[in-house]
Amino acid sequence: MPEKAFELDPQLQDVLDAVREQQGLESREQAAEWLLRRRIRRGAQELTGRGRALYPAGRND
């Protein structure tokens, strides 16, 4: 898959650097990939209903 480079604004650079340091990654590219994978995982959890309440909808409590 071809890679495309683009300029990052200073705010995004700061966020990627913070993630990189927090997760012990070597580069901003790895930090961006980590964030993307995290978002995909969370999206899949929401899609499958994992973590949702296990009671019938429409409770009148």
N, C-alpha and C. Protein backbone atom coordinates (compact mmCIF):
# COMPACT_ATOMS: atom_id res chain seq x y z
N MET A 1 0.85 -1.17 0.00
CA MET A 1 0.00 0.00 0.00
C MET A 1 0.89 1.24 0.00
N PRO A 2 0.65 2.16 -0.90
CA PRO A 2 1.48 3.37 -0.95
C PRO A 2 1.24 4.26 0.26
N GLU A 3 2.31 4.90 0.68
CA GLU A 3 2.20 5.82 1.82
C GLU A 3 2.21 7.24 1.31
N LYS A 4 1.45 8.09 1.98
CA LYS A 4 1.38 9.49 1.60
C LYS A 4 1.77 10.32 2.82
N ALA A 5 2.75 11.16 2.67
CA ALA A 5 3.18 12.04 3.76
C ALA A 5 2.40 13.35 3.70
N PHE A 6 2.13 13.91 4.86
CA PHE A 6 1.46 15.20 4.92
C PHE A 6 1.98 15.98 6.12
N GLU A 7 1.78 17.27 6.07
CA GLU A 7 2.24 18.14 7.15
C GLU A 7 1.28 18.08 8.33
N LEU A 8 1.86 18.06 9.51
CA LEU A 8 1.07 18.05 10.73
C LEU A 8 1.10 19.43 11.37
N ASP A 9 -0.04 19.85 11.88
CA ASP A 9 -0.03 21.12 12.59
C ASP A 9 0.61 20.89 13.98
N PRO A 10 1.08 21.95 14.61
CA PRO A 10 1.77 21.80 15.89
C PRO A 10 0.94 21.11 16.98
N GLN A 11 -0.36 21.36 17.00
CA GLN A 11 -1.22 20.74 18.01
C GLN A 11 -1.26 19.22 17.82
N LEU A 12 -1.39 18.76 16.60
CA LEU A 12 -1.42 17.33 16.33
C LEU A 12 -0.06 16.69 16.64
N GLN A 13 1.00 17.40 16.35
CA GLN A 13 2.34 16.90 16.69
C GLN A 13 2.47 16.70 18.19
N ASP A 14 1.95 17.65 18.97
CA ASP A 14 2.01 17.55 20.43
C ASP A 14 1.22 16.34 20.93
N VAL A 15 0.04 16.12 20.35
CA VAL A 15 -0.78 14.98 20.75
C VAL A 15 -0.07 13.68 20.42
N LEU A 16 0.48 13.57 19.22
CA LEU A 16 1.18 12.35 18.82
C LEU A 16 2.42 12.12 19.69
N ASP A 17 3.11 13.18 20.02
CA ASP A 17 4.29 13.05 20.90
C ASP A 17 3.88 12.57 22.30
N ALA A 18 2.76 13.08 22.80
CA ALA A 18 2.29 12.67 24.12
C ALA A 18 1.90 11.19 24.11
N VAL A 19 1.20 10.76 23.06
CA VAL A 19 0.82 9.35 22.95
C VAL A 19 2.07 8.49 22.82
N ARG A 20 3.02 8.95 22.03
CA ARG A 20 4.26 8.20 21.81
C ARG A 20 4.98 7.98 23.13
N GLU A 21 5.10 9.03 23.93
CA GLU A 21 5.78 8.91 25.21
C GLU A 21 4.99 8.04 26.19
N GLN A 22 3.68 8.22 26.22
CA GLN A 22 2.83 7.47 27.15
C GLN A 22 2.85 5.97 26.85
N GLN A 23 2.85 5.62 25.58
CA GLN A 23 2.78 4.21 25.18
C GLN A 23 4.16 3.59 24.91
N GLY A 24 5.21 4.39 25.01
CA GLY A 24 6.56 3.87 24.80
C GLY A 24 6.86 3.53 23.35
N LEU A 25 6.32 4.31 22.44
CA LEU A 25 6.52 4.07 21.01
C LEU A 25 7.71 4.87 20.51
N GLU A 26 8.24 4.48 19.34
CA GLU A 26 9.45 5.10 18.82
C GLU A 26 9.20 6.29 17.90
N SER A 27 8.03 6.37 17.27
CA SER A 27 7.82 7.43 16.29
C SER A 27 6.38 7.95 16.33
N ARG A 28 6.19 9.09 15.71
CA ARG A 28 4.84 9.66 15.58
C ARG A 28 3.97 8.77 14.72
N GLU A 29 4.56 8.11 13.73
CA GLU A 29 3.81 7.22 12.86
C GLU A 29 3.22 6.06 13.67
N GLN A 30 4.02 5.52 14.59
CA GLN A 30 3.53 4.45 15.44
C GLN A 30 2.43 4.95 16.37
N ALA A 31 2.56 6.18 16.85
CA ALA A 31 1.53 6.76 17.70
C ALA A 31 0.23 6.94 16.93
N ALA A 32 0.33 7.40 15.69
CA ALA A 32 -0.87 7.57 14.86
C ALA A 32 -1.53 6.22 14.60
N GLU A 33 -0.73 5.21 14.32
CA GLU A 33 -1.27 3.87 14.08
C GLU A 33 -1.93 3.33 15.36
N TRP A 34 -1.33 3.56 16.52
CA TRP A 34 -1.89 3.11 17.79
C TRP A 34 -3.26 3.75 18.01
N LEU A 35 -3.35 5.08 17.76
CA LEU A 35 -4.62 5.77 17.93
C LEU A 35 -5.68 5.24 16.97
N LEU A 36 -5.29 4.98 15.75
CA LEU A 36 -6.23 4.46 14.75
C LEU A 36 -6.73 3.08 15.15
N ARG A 37 -5.83 2.21 15.58
CA ARG A 37 -6.24 0.86 16.01
C ARG A 37 -7.16 0.93 17.23
N ARG A 38 -6.86 1.84 18.13
CA ARG A 38 -7.71 2.00 19.32
C ARG A 38 -9.12 2.42 18.92
N ARG A 39 -9.21 3.35 17.97
CA ARG A 39 -10.52 3.82 17.51
C ARG A 39 -11.28 2.71 16.82
N ILE A 40 -10.59 1.90 16.03
CA ILE A 40 -11.24 0.79 15.35
C ILE A 40 -11.76 -0.22 16.37
N ARG A 41 -10.94 -0.54 17.39
CA ARG A 41 -11.38 -1.47 18.42
C ARG A 41 -12.63 -0.97 19.15
N ARG A 42 -12.60 0.29 19.52
CA ARG A 42 -13.76 0.85 20.22
C ARG A 42 -14.99 0.89 19.33
N GLY A 43 -14.80 1.22 18.08
CA GLY A 43 -15.93 1.21 17.14
C GLY A 43 -16.52 -0.17 16.98
N ALA A 44 -15.66 -1.19 16.94
CA ALA A 44 -16.14 -2.57 16.83
C ALA A 44 -16.90 -2.97 18.08
N GLN A 45 -16.43 -2.55 19.24
CA GLN A 45 -17.14 -2.86 20.49
C GLN A 45 -18.52 -2.23 20.49
N GLU A 46 -18.62 -1.00 20.04
CA GLU A 46 -19.92 -0.33 19.99
C GLU A 46 -20.84 -1.01 18.98
N LEU A 47 -20.29 -1.43 17.87
CA LEU A 47 -21.07 -2.06 16.83
C LEU A 47 -21.63 -3.40 17.28
N THR A 48 -20.83 -4.17 18.01
CA THR A 48 -21.27 -5.50 18.45
C THR A 48 -22.09 -5.45 19.71
N GLY A 49 -22.15 -4.31 20.36
CA GLY A 49 -22.94 -4.19 21.58
C GLY A 49 -22.19 -4.60 22.82
N ARG A 50 -20.91 -4.89 22.69
CA ARG A 50 -20.14 -5.30 23.85
C ARG A 50 -20.10 -4.16 24.86
N GLY A 51 -20.37 -4.47 26.11
CA GLY A 51 -20.35 -3.46 27.14
C GLY A 51 -21.69 -2.77 27.34
N ARG A 52 -22.70 -3.22 26.62
CA ARG A 52 -24.02 -2.60 26.79
C ARG A 52 -24.76 -3.23 27.96
N ALA A 53 -25.78 -2.56 28.40
CA ALA A 53 -26.58 -3.05 29.52
C ALA A 53 -27.31 -4.33 29.12
N LEU A 54 -27.53 -5.20 30.10
CA LEU A 54 -28.18 -6.47 29.82
C LEU A 54 -29.59 -6.52 30.38
N TYR A 55 -30.32 -5.43 30.28
CA TYR A 55 -31.70 -5.41 30.71
C TYR A 55 -32.56 -4.93 29.55
N PRO A 56 -33.82 -5.28 29.56
CA PRO A 56 -34.71 -4.90 28.44
C PRO A 56 -34.84 -3.38 28.33
N ALA A 57 -34.94 -2.92 27.13
CA ALA A 57 -35.16 -1.49 26.90
C ALA A 57 -36.55 -1.10 27.38
N GLY A 58 -36.70 0.15 27.77
CA GLY A 58 -38.01 0.65 28.19
C GLY A 58 -38.31 0.44 29.65
N ARG A 59 -37.31 0.24 30.47
CA ARG A 59 -37.55 0.10 31.92
C ARG A 59 -38.10 1.41 32.46
N ASN A 60 -38.99 1.31 33.41
CA ASN A 60 -39.62 2.50 33.99
C ASN A 60 -39.19 2.71 35.43
N ASP A 61 -37.91 2.70 35.68
CA ASP A 61 -37.40 2.91 37.04
C ASP A 61 -37.19 4.37 37.32
